[in-house]
Every structure is written in C-alpha cells, then in structure tokens.
Amino acid sequence: MPAIRNSLGKISSILAGAAVAGGALSVPLVIVAKLPEHLRASCLQPLIGSARIALWFEDRLVVIWICLAVVGAVAGVLYLWATPRTASAKLDVGVICGLALAGCSAALALTPVVDSTAREIWRAAHPANYEIVLEPHNPYDEPLSEGRQENCLFETLRILSARLPRVGQYHPPHRSGRDQLLVRLHADSEEERERLKRIAQSGYVAFRLVHDDSGALTAQQANRADFQPPAGYETLFLDTQKQGRAERQPLFVKKTPELGGGCIDKAYLQYDPANPSLPRAIQVQLNREASEAFRRLTAENVGRRLAIVLDGKLLCAAEIRVEIPGGRCAISADSFSYSEARDLAAALRGGGLPLPLRVVREERKP
C-alpha cells in the first residue's frame, strides 16, 4: 500500500486535474440532459454540426455524464488519499471543488424530485388554455379487434406523453371516454396553437405500394367520366417541381399499408451540406421488427414504386431498385418549411403513431 500511495503521489497534479475536469464537465452535461428535447437539440446540433453525431451524443449523454462524474470522484479520492495535505493548497481546493461539482451533478441527475418539481412549477406558470380531443381511426380494410384497438390507444397515449415534453409542453395527456384522448396545452398565439395541434396529431407513417400500371390508369381516369380505381387502391397526389413549376401527379396507391403504424424507432433532420440551415430530409430509423419487414418488402418488390404516406399525404414514391436492409430510409423535406420539418422530426423521435389521429373537438380557454 505505501508503494501504491507513493506512486499516486507522484502524479498528484494529474489526479487533481482529472478530479476538477470530471466534476466541472459533469455539471453542464447533466443540465443539458435535463433540458426539454427541443431545447437540448437546439444546444447540441449547432455545437456539433452533424445531426447524426448530435443524435448519437444525445442518446449517450447520461452514460458520458456517469463516466465523467466517476472519473472525477475516483481521481479526487485517490488524490486526497495519496497526497500530503501540505503539498499544494491550490490543488487541494481544486480537488475539493471537483468532488463537490461531481456530487452536485449526481444530485441533479439521480433525484426525480428535481424533474417533478420543475414540471409542477411550469404547469403553475403556464396553465392549459387550449384543449384538443383526438381519436384514432382505422386505416385498414378489416376492423381492428377490441384488444388491438385498446393496445393502439395505450401506445398512442405513451407516445404523446413522451412527445409533448420534447416541445416544451408538460400537461400530461389523458384518456377521454372509451376511445379518445384529451391533450391539454399552453399556447400564447393562434400560430402556436396550430403548431402544437399539428405536432400532437401528426406522425402516422405508412409505406404503401403503387399500382404497376398507375400511369395507364391515370390516362384512363382523365378520359372516362365513370372511371373507378382498381379494387384496394385509391388516388393520391404527389406534389413535385418540374422546371420551376409546381405539378400534382396522381398515383394509384394501395389503401392497406404494407408497413405502418408504430414502425418508426427514431428520426432526425439531415441538413443540406451547402446550406446548413436548410433541412434536406428527415432520416428515419425503423424498429427491429419493422426493419426486417421492410427488407422483405423491398426484396420482393424490386422494380415497383413504394410510396411513403404521412398522415394521409403522399410525400414520395421512389422505385425500389435493390433490397434495403438496416431499416433506414429518408423522407424528403422539400414539401415542408423549416419549422414543419423540425416539428415532424421532433414528433417522430419517440416513434410513429400506431394509428392515424383526427381532431374530434378543440376548445380555447381565456
């Protein structure tokens, strides 16, 4: 033991530096980790630059904080154990401050009272002045069983409970009646109300195959007044830009999704390298089960077009050229404004909705 103590004493300045650095860095990290997600992302992405790296870093904030706090605490304890108190008063003070900061960060991170108290203060300062009642509806041809309907409602409630704090709203959603959800919000303007309503009800993504003869069917539809779409298909319109002009291309898309309803695990914005303030796409990562289903879907339908439909709006319909493993895909941000793309990415971060939501009632309060 004396030999170990002497060896550690020779690197006392290194131990002191590690204690101070670990303790000092752990505090801002845990503060950032405790921020609402919309503020946390706003802090991290400009500092890091890459959305993917920022997302990776954000997912591991707690682990990084634990490592820094442990390094700081262990280095501080070893310093105090191995170094005589008469060696350096300045180092002693620095190490004690580092240990105190590591302890403060641990108290902030591990005390749930901090979170609950902060949310109660926010609710008291921002009473709900806007309520919307949402109801899931079935996009499939066959009716849902009562058990599946209940599971979808429970999953939707869980997703909304996680989604709303990400945009700075801390009034928890509730069940309202048998198959409806009550969402209570605080909004200071009509624009903010519309934004929050869009965030609350958006996020149902469906992957649907396009009819092989969609072009020929479009021509028939234009020439025949009594034209009816093929059984199991409906007409959706794809908004495109061609030579600077906006065009609407009709496509015949399957009504029943090949994949959809809670298939998304996480999402983040991808920016244009030439213009970092301009979102180019929303990168989507499917969950494990959906990734395998997506791989089979693309493997079995090479040469066909696959449409991505968000809340009933056709976003894109690309041709499947090869099997796509890994469960990664992109939703073009061309049809969204910056704020809409940001809000959609925030909504999808906690997963896609298992069923589409429609607004049954909304009420504004003074």
Protein backbone atom coordinates (compact mmCIF):
# COMPACT_ATOMS: atom_id res chain seq x y z
CA MET A 1 0.00 0.00 0.00
CA PRO A 2 2.73 2.56 0.79
CA ALA A 3 4.28 1.87 -2.63
CA ILE A 4 0.96 2.48 -4.37
CA ARG A 5 0.43 5.60 -2.32
CA ASN A 6 3.86 6.93 -3.24
CA SER A 7 3.29 6.16 -6.92
CA LEU A 8 -0.02 8.02 -6.89
CA GLY A 9 1.60 10.90 -5.04
CA LYS A 10 3.98 11.40 -7.98
CA ILE A 11 1.04 12.04 -10.32
CA SER A 12 -0.91 14.21 -7.89
CA SER A 13 -1.26 17.05 -10.40
CA ILE A 14 -2.77 14.64 -12.97
CA LEU A 15 -5.22 13.29 -10.39
CA ALA A 16 -6.13 16.82 -9.35
CA GLY A 17 -6.70 17.84 -12.97
CA ALA A 18 -8.87 14.77 -13.61
CA ALA A 19 -10.93 15.48 -10.49
CA VAL A 20 -11.53 19.10 -11.46
CA ALA A 21 -12.22 18.34 -15.13
CA GLY A 22 -14.53 15.40 -14.42
CA GLY A 23 -16.54 17.31 -11.82
CA ALA A 24 -16.70 20.54 -13.83
CA LEU A 25 -17.76 18.88 -17.09
CA SER A 26 -20.34 16.61 -15.47
CA VAL A 27 -22.48 19.55 -14.31
CA PRO A 28 -23.21 21.16 -17.73
CA LEU A 29 -23.72 17.70 -19.23
CA VAL A 30 -26.37 16.75 -16.72
CA ILE A 31 -28.04 20.16 -17.12
CA VAL A 32 -28.22 19.66 -20.91
CA ALA A 33 -29.53 16.12 -20.38
CA LYS A 34 -32.33 17.52 -18.19
CA LEU A 35 -33.43 20.12 -20.76
CA PRO A 36 -36.61 19.54 -22.81
CA GLU A 37 -35.69 17.76 -26.02
CA HIS A 38 -36.43 20.72 -28.31
CA LEU A 39 -34.00 22.87 -26.29
CA ARG A 40 -31.45 20.07 -25.96
CA ALA A 41 -31.34 19.53 -29.71
CA SER A 42 -31.04 23.29 -30.25
CA CYS A 43 -27.99 23.34 -27.98
CA LEU A 44 -26.22 20.26 -29.32
CA GLN A 45 -26.62 20.42 -33.08
CA PRO A 46 -25.07 23.89 -33.65
CA LEU A 47 -22.13 22.90 -31.42
CA ILE A 48 -21.54 19.51 -33.07
CA GLY A 49 -22.60 20.35 -36.63
CA SER A 50 -23.77 16.89 -37.70
CA ALA A 51 -27.34 15.86 -36.91
CA ARG A 52 -26.40 12.16 -36.77
CA ILE A 53 -23.48 12.78 -34.37
CA ALA A 54 -25.65 15.10 -32.28
CA LEU A 55 -28.30 12.36 -32.03
CA TRP A 56 -25.65 9.78 -31.08
CA PHE A 57 -24.24 12.12 -28.45
CA GLU A 58 -27.69 12.99 -27.11
CA ASP A 59 -28.64 9.32 -26.69
CA ARG A 60 -25.48 8.77 -24.61
CA LEU A 61 -25.48 11.94 -22.51
CA VAL A 62 -26.26 10.08 -19.31
CA VAL A 63 -23.52 7.49 -19.93
CA ILE A 64 -20.96 10.21 -20.68
CA TRP A 65 -22.02 12.10 -17.56
CA ILE A 66 -21.64 8.98 -15.40
CA CYS A 67 -18.15 8.34 -16.80
CA LEU A 68 -17.02 11.92 -16.15
CA ALA A 69 -18.52 12.04 -12.66
CA VAL A 70 -16.96 8.68 -11.72
CA VAL A 71 -13.55 9.70 -13.11
CA GLY A 72 -13.71 12.98 -11.21
CA ALA A 73 -14.78 11.36 -7.95
CA VAL A 74 -12.25 8.50 -8.10
CA ALA A 75 -9.39 10.83 -9.08
CA GLY A 76 -10.32 13.22 -6.27
CA VAL A 77 -10.47 10.47 -3.64
CA LEU A 78 -7.14 8.99 -4.79
CA TYR A 79 -5.54 12.44 -4.68
CA LEU A 80 -6.74 13.10 -1.13
CA TRP A 81 -5.60 9.63 -0.03
CA ALA A 82 -2.16 9.70 -1.67
CA THR A 83 -1.08 13.34 -1.36
CA PRO A 84 0.03 15.00 1.90
CA ARG A 85 -2.15 17.97 2.82
CA THR A 86 0.89 20.25 2.91
CA ALA A 87 1.77 19.54 -0.74
CA SER A 88 -0.32 22.18 -2.51
CA ALA A 89 -3.18 24.16 -1.04
CA LYS A 90 -4.35 25.25 -4.52
CA LEU A 91 -4.60 21.65 -5.72
CA ASP A 92 -6.43 20.69 -2.52
CA VAL A 93 -9.05 23.40 -3.12
CA GLY A 94 -9.41 22.41 -6.79
CA VAL A 95 -9.93 18.73 -5.94
CA ILE A 96 -12.50 19.52 -3.26
CA CYS A 97 -14.37 21.76 -5.74
CA GLY A 98 -14.25 18.97 -8.33
CA LEU A 99 -15.70 16.47 -5.85
CA ALA A 100 -18.40 18.97 -4.87
CA LEU A 101 -19.36 19.53 -8.53
CA ALA A 102 -19.49 15.78 -9.19
CA GLY A 103 -21.75 15.43 -6.16
CA CYS A 104 -24.00 18.27 -7.39
CA SER A 105 -24.34 16.67 -10.82
CA ALA A 106 -25.23 13.34 -9.20
CA ALA A 107 -27.88 15.05 -7.08
CA LEU A 108 -29.36 16.72 -10.17
CA ALA A 109 -29.36 13.51 -12.22
CA LEU A 110 -30.48 10.99 -9.63
CA THR A 111 -33.13 12.95 -7.77
CA PRO A 112 -36.52 12.59 -9.51
CA VAL A 113 -37.87 15.36 -7.27
CA VAL A 114 -35.92 17.86 -9.40
CA ASP A 115 -37.83 16.86 -12.52
CA SER A 116 -41.26 16.66 -10.93
CA THR A 117 -40.80 19.98 -9.11
CA ALA A 118 -39.67 21.74 -12.29
CA ARG A 119 -42.71 20.41 -14.16
CA GLU A 120 -45.10 21.48 -11.41
CA ILE A 121 -43.60 24.99 -11.45
CA TRP A 122 -44.02 25.11 -15.25
CA ARG A 123 -47.66 23.96 -15.04
CA ALA A 124 -48.44 26.59 -12.40
CA ALA A 125 -46.84 29.32 -14.54
CA HIS A 126 -48.37 28.10 -17.81
CA PRO A 127 -51.96 26.90 -17.23
CA ALA A 128 -53.58 24.97 -20.07
CA ASN A 129 -55.54 27.34 -22.31
CA TYR A 130 -56.08 25.06 -25.30
CA GLU A 131 -57.60 21.58 -25.31
CA ILE A 132 -57.97 19.13 -28.19
CA VAL A 133 -59.69 15.75 -28.19
CA LEU A 134 -58.06 13.22 -30.51
CA GLU A 135 -59.49 9.95 -31.75
CA PRO A 136 -57.59 7.16 -33.55
CA HIS A 137 -59.20 5.83 -36.71
CA ASN A 138 -58.59 2.59 -38.56
CA PRO A 139 -56.86 2.92 -41.98
CA TYR A 140 -57.18 -0.81 -42.75
CA ASP A 141 -59.95 -2.56 -44.66
CA GLU A 142 -60.61 -5.10 -41.93
CA PRO A 143 -61.86 -3.94 -38.49
CA LEU A 144 -59.48 -3.99 -35.55
CA SER A 145 -60.14 -6.33 -32.66
CA GLU A 146 -61.08 -4.76 -29.36
CA GLY A 147 -57.76 -5.84 -27.85
CA ARG A 148 -55.70 -4.35 -30.66
CA GLN A 149 -57.73 -1.12 -30.55
CA GLU A 150 -57.02 -0.86 -26.83
CA ASN A 151 -53.31 -1.55 -27.34
CA CYS A 152 -53.10 1.12 -30.06
CA LEU A 153 -54.82 3.66 -27.79
CA PHE A 154 -52.46 2.83 -24.92
CA GLU A 155 -49.41 3.11 -27.23
CA THR A 156 -50.65 6.44 -28.63
CA LEU A 157 -51.04 7.79 -25.11
CA ARG A 158 -47.49 6.67 -24.28
CA ILE A 159 -46.07 8.31 -27.41
CA LEU A 160 -47.89 11.60 -26.77
CA SER A 161 -46.77 11.58 -23.12
CA ALA A 162 -43.16 11.39 -24.34
CA ARG A 163 -43.64 13.68 -27.37
CA LEU A 164 -45.20 16.75 -25.73
CA PRO A 165 -42.34 17.42 -23.25
CA ARG A 166 -39.96 17.41 -26.23
CA VAL A 167 -41.67 20.58 -27.45
CA GLY A 168 -41.89 22.19 -24.01
CA GLN A 169 -45.41 21.09 -23.02
CA TYR A 170 -45.77 19.41 -19.60
CA HIS A 171 -49.53 18.97 -19.18
CA PRO A 172 -49.95 15.17 -19.44
CA PRO A 173 -52.49 13.77 -21.94
CA HIS A 174 -55.37 11.65 -20.59
CA ARG A 175 -57.93 9.13 -21.76
CA SER A 176 -61.26 10.78 -22.51
CA GLY A 177 -64.08 8.31 -22.69
CA ARG A 178 -63.62 4.86 -24.20
CA ASP A 179 -61.53 5.59 -27.29
CA GLN A 180 -60.49 9.24 -27.21
CA LEU A 181 -57.54 11.21 -25.83
CA LEU A 182 -57.58 14.66 -24.21
CA VAL A 183 -54.50 16.81 -24.84
CA ARG A 184 -54.13 19.98 -22.77
CA LEU A 185 -51.67 22.62 -23.99
CA HIS A 186 -50.46 26.13 -23.25
CA ALA A 187 -50.23 28.39 -26.29
CA ASP A 188 -49.85 32.18 -26.44
CA SER A 189 -50.90 32.70 -30.06
CA GLU A 190 -53.04 31.16 -32.78
CA GLU A 191 -49.90 30.24 -34.70
CA GLU A 192 -48.56 28.37 -31.67
CA ARG A 193 -51.88 26.55 -31.22
CA GLU A 194 -51.83 25.36 -34.82
CA ARG A 195 -48.23 24.22 -34.47
CA LEU A 196 -48.92 22.26 -31.28
CA LYS A 197 -52.04 20.68 -32.77
CA ARG A 198 -50.01 19.58 -35.79
CA ILE A 199 -47.32 18.07 -33.56
CA ALA A 200 -49.87 16.28 -31.36
CA GLN A 201 -51.80 14.59 -34.17
CA SER A 202 -49.06 14.01 -36.75
CA GLY A 203 -46.72 11.07 -37.08
CA TYR A 204 -48.62 8.22 -38.71
CA VAL A 205 -46.27 6.97 -41.43
CA ALA A 206 -47.33 4.25 -43.86
CA PHE A 207 -45.38 2.51 -46.63
CA ARG A 208 -47.76 1.64 -49.47
CA LEU A 209 -47.10 0.09 -52.89
CA VAL A 210 -48.03 1.96 -56.07
CA HIS A 211 -50.02 0.12 -58.78
CA ASP A 212 -47.81 -1.28 -61.56
CA ASP A 213 -49.98 0.41 -64.23
CA SER A 214 -50.50 3.69 -62.41
CA GLY A 215 -49.59 5.76 -65.49
CA ALA A 216 -52.06 3.96 -67.76
CA LEU A 217 -54.77 4.17 -65.10
CA THR A 218 -54.19 7.93 -64.83
CA ALA A 219 -54.79 8.27 -68.58
CA GLN A 220 -58.00 6.22 -68.32
CA GLN A 221 -59.20 8.35 -65.42
CA ALA A 222 -58.69 11.50 -67.49
CA ASN A 223 -60.67 10.11 -70.46
CA ARG A 224 -63.54 8.30 -68.71
CA ALA A 225 -66.11 10.01 -66.53
CA ASP A 226 -67.24 6.70 -65.00
CA PHE A 227 -63.71 5.52 -64.15
CA GLN A 228 -63.28 3.68 -60.85
CA PRO A 229 -59.88 2.91 -59.27
CA PRO A 230 -58.90 -0.80 -59.07
CA ALA A 231 -60.16 -2.63 -56.01
CA GLY A 232 -57.97 -1.95 -52.99
CA TYR A 233 -56.39 1.21 -54.46
CA GLU A 234 -57.04 4.93 -54.13
CA THR A 235 -55.78 8.05 -55.90
CA LEU A 236 -53.25 10.22 -54.05
CA PHE A 237 -51.45 13.24 -55.44
CA LEU A 238 -47.70 13.75 -55.39
CA ASP A 239 -46.62 17.41 -55.38
CA THR A 240 -43.47 17.86 -57.46
CA GLN A 241 -41.38 20.62 -59.02
CA LYS A 242 -40.58 20.39 -62.75
CA GLN A 243 -38.58 23.15 -64.45
CA GLY A 244 -39.51 25.53 -61.66
CA ARG A 245 -43.24 24.79 -61.90
CA ALA A 246 -45.36 23.06 -59.28
CA GLU A 247 -47.12 19.92 -60.53
CA ARG A 248 -49.52 17.41 -58.99
CA GLN A 249 -49.02 13.86 -60.19
CA PRO A 250 -51.87 11.41 -59.48
CA LEU A 251 -50.79 7.93 -58.36
CA PHE A 252 -52.85 4.86 -57.59
CA VAL A 253 -51.69 3.65 -54.18
CA LYS A 254 -52.80 0.63 -52.16
CA LYS A 255 -55.25 1.53 -49.41
CA THR A 256 -53.86 -1.05 -47.00
CA PRO A 257 -50.29 -0.22 -45.88
CA GLU A 258 -47.57 -2.79 -46.38
CA LEU A 259 -45.89 -1.37 -43.32
CA GLY A 260 -47.03 1.32 -40.92
CA GLY A 261 -48.32 2.15 -37.51
CA GLY A 262 -45.59 2.37 -34.90
CA CYS A 263 -42.83 1.14 -37.24
CA ILE A 264 -40.52 4.11 -36.56
CA ASP A 265 -37.95 3.97 -33.78
CA LYS A 266 -36.35 7.41 -34.15
CA ALA A 267 -35.86 10.25 -36.62
CA TYR A 268 -33.62 13.26 -37.11
CA LEU A 269 -33.15 16.09 -39.59
CA GLN A 270 -30.50 15.85 -42.28
CA TYR A 271 -29.25 19.23 -43.49
CA ASP A 272 -28.00 20.32 -46.91
CA PRO A 273 -24.17 20.49 -46.75
CA ALA A 274 -24.23 23.57 -49.00
CA ASN A 275 -26.71 25.32 -46.69
CA PRO A 276 -26.56 24.00 -43.09
CA SER A 277 -29.71 25.92 -42.12
CA LEU A 278 -31.78 24.14 -44.82
CA PRO A 279 -33.19 20.67 -43.97
CA ARG A 280 -32.83 18.25 -46.88
CA ALA A 281 -34.57 15.19 -45.47
CA ILE A 282 -35.88 13.55 -42.33
CA GLN A 283 -33.83 10.41 -41.77
CA VAL A 284 -35.93 7.62 -40.27
CA GLN A 285 -34.76 4.52 -38.43
CA LEU A 286 -37.31 1.70 -38.25
CA ASN A 287 -37.56 -0.56 -35.23
CA ARG A 288 -36.13 -4.09 -35.33
CA GLU A 289 -39.32 -5.88 -36.36
CA ALA A 290 -40.20 -3.26 -38.98
CA SER A 291 -36.63 -3.29 -40.36
CA GLU A 292 -36.95 -6.98 -41.20
CA ALA A 293 -40.40 -6.45 -42.71
CA PHE A 294 -39.04 -3.53 -44.76
CA ARG A 295 -36.16 -5.69 -46.01
CA ARG A 296 -38.61 -8.41 -47.16
CA LEU A 297 -40.91 -5.81 -48.71
CA THR A 298 -38.13 -4.26 -50.79
CA ALA A 299 -36.64 -7.66 -51.72
CA GLU A 300 -39.99 -8.95 -53.03
CA ASN A 301 -40.95 -5.80 -54.94
CA VAL A 302 -37.81 -4.71 -56.80
CA GLY A 303 -38.88 -2.57 -59.77
CA ARG A 304 -42.10 -1.33 -58.17
CA ARG A 305 -42.65 2.09 -56.63
CA LEU A 306 -43.06 2.39 -52.88
CA ALA A 307 -44.98 5.37 -51.55
CA ILE A 308 -44.37 6.99 -48.18
CA VAL A 309 -47.61 8.47 -46.87
CA LEU A 310 -47.62 10.74 -43.82
CA ASP A 311 -50.98 11.40 -42.18
CA GLY A 312 -52.75 10.76 -45.49
CA LYS A 313 -50.41 12.98 -47.56
CA LEU A 314 -48.27 11.36 -50.27
CA LEU A 315 -44.70 12.53 -49.70
CA CYS A 316 -42.70 10.47 -52.19
CA ALA A 317 -42.92 7.37 -54.35
CA ALA A 318 -39.49 6.08 -55.29
CA GLU A 319 -38.72 2.98 -57.34
CA ILE A 320 -37.32 0.05 -55.36
CA ARG A 321 -34.02 -0.77 -57.08
CA VAL A 322 -32.48 -3.20 -54.59
CA GLU A 323 -33.28 -4.90 -51.31
CA ILE A 324 -32.88 -2.37 -48.46
CA PRO A 325 -31.59 -3.86 -45.20
CA GLY A 326 -31.00 -1.99 -41.94
CA GLY A 327 -34.36 -0.22 -41.72
CA ARG A 328 -33.10 3.22 -42.74
CA CYS A 329 -34.99 5.48 -45.13
CA ALA A 330 -35.44 9.19 -45.78
CA ILE A 331 -38.50 11.43 -46.08
CA SER A 332 -37.79 14.36 -48.38
CA ALA A 333 -38.17 17.73 -46.66
CA ASP A 334 -38.86 19.58 -49.93
CA SER A 335 -42.57 19.88 -49.20
CA PHE A 336 -42.04 21.19 -45.66
CA SER A 337 -40.97 24.53 -44.27
CA TYR A 338 -38.05 24.54 -41.84
CA SER A 339 -40.34 24.70 -38.79
CA GLU A 340 -42.61 21.95 -40.16
CA ALA A 341 -39.64 19.65 -40.86
CA ARG A 342 -38.21 20.34 -37.40
CA ASP A 343 -41.55 19.68 -35.70
CA LEU A 344 -42.13 16.48 -37.67
CA ALA A 345 -38.68 15.17 -36.76
CA ALA A 346 -39.39 16.01 -33.10
CA ALA A 347 -42.75 14.23 -33.30
CA LEU A 348 -41.22 11.10 -34.84
CA ARG A 349 -38.30 10.94 -32.40
CA GLY A 350 -40.34 8.96 -29.90
CA GLY A 351 -41.80 6.66 -32.56
CA GLY A 352 -44.57 6.81 -35.14
CA LEU A 353 -48.23 6.61 -34.17
CA PRO A 354 -49.83 3.15 -34.39
CA LEU A 355 -52.99 4.65 -35.94
CA PRO A 356 -53.83 8.00 -37.56
CA LEU A 357 -55.37 10.61 -35.26
CA ARG A 358 -58.16 13.04 -36.09
CA VAL A 359 -59.31 16.05 -34.10
CA VAL A 360 -62.79 15.48 -32.70
CA ARG A 361 -63.05 18.69 -30.68
CA GLU A 362 -60.89 21.66 -29.77
CA GLU A 363 -61.54 24.34 -27.18
CA ARG A 364 -59.72 27.62 -26.48
CA LYS A 365 -59.75 28.95 -22.93
CA PRO A 366 -59.03 32.51 -21.78
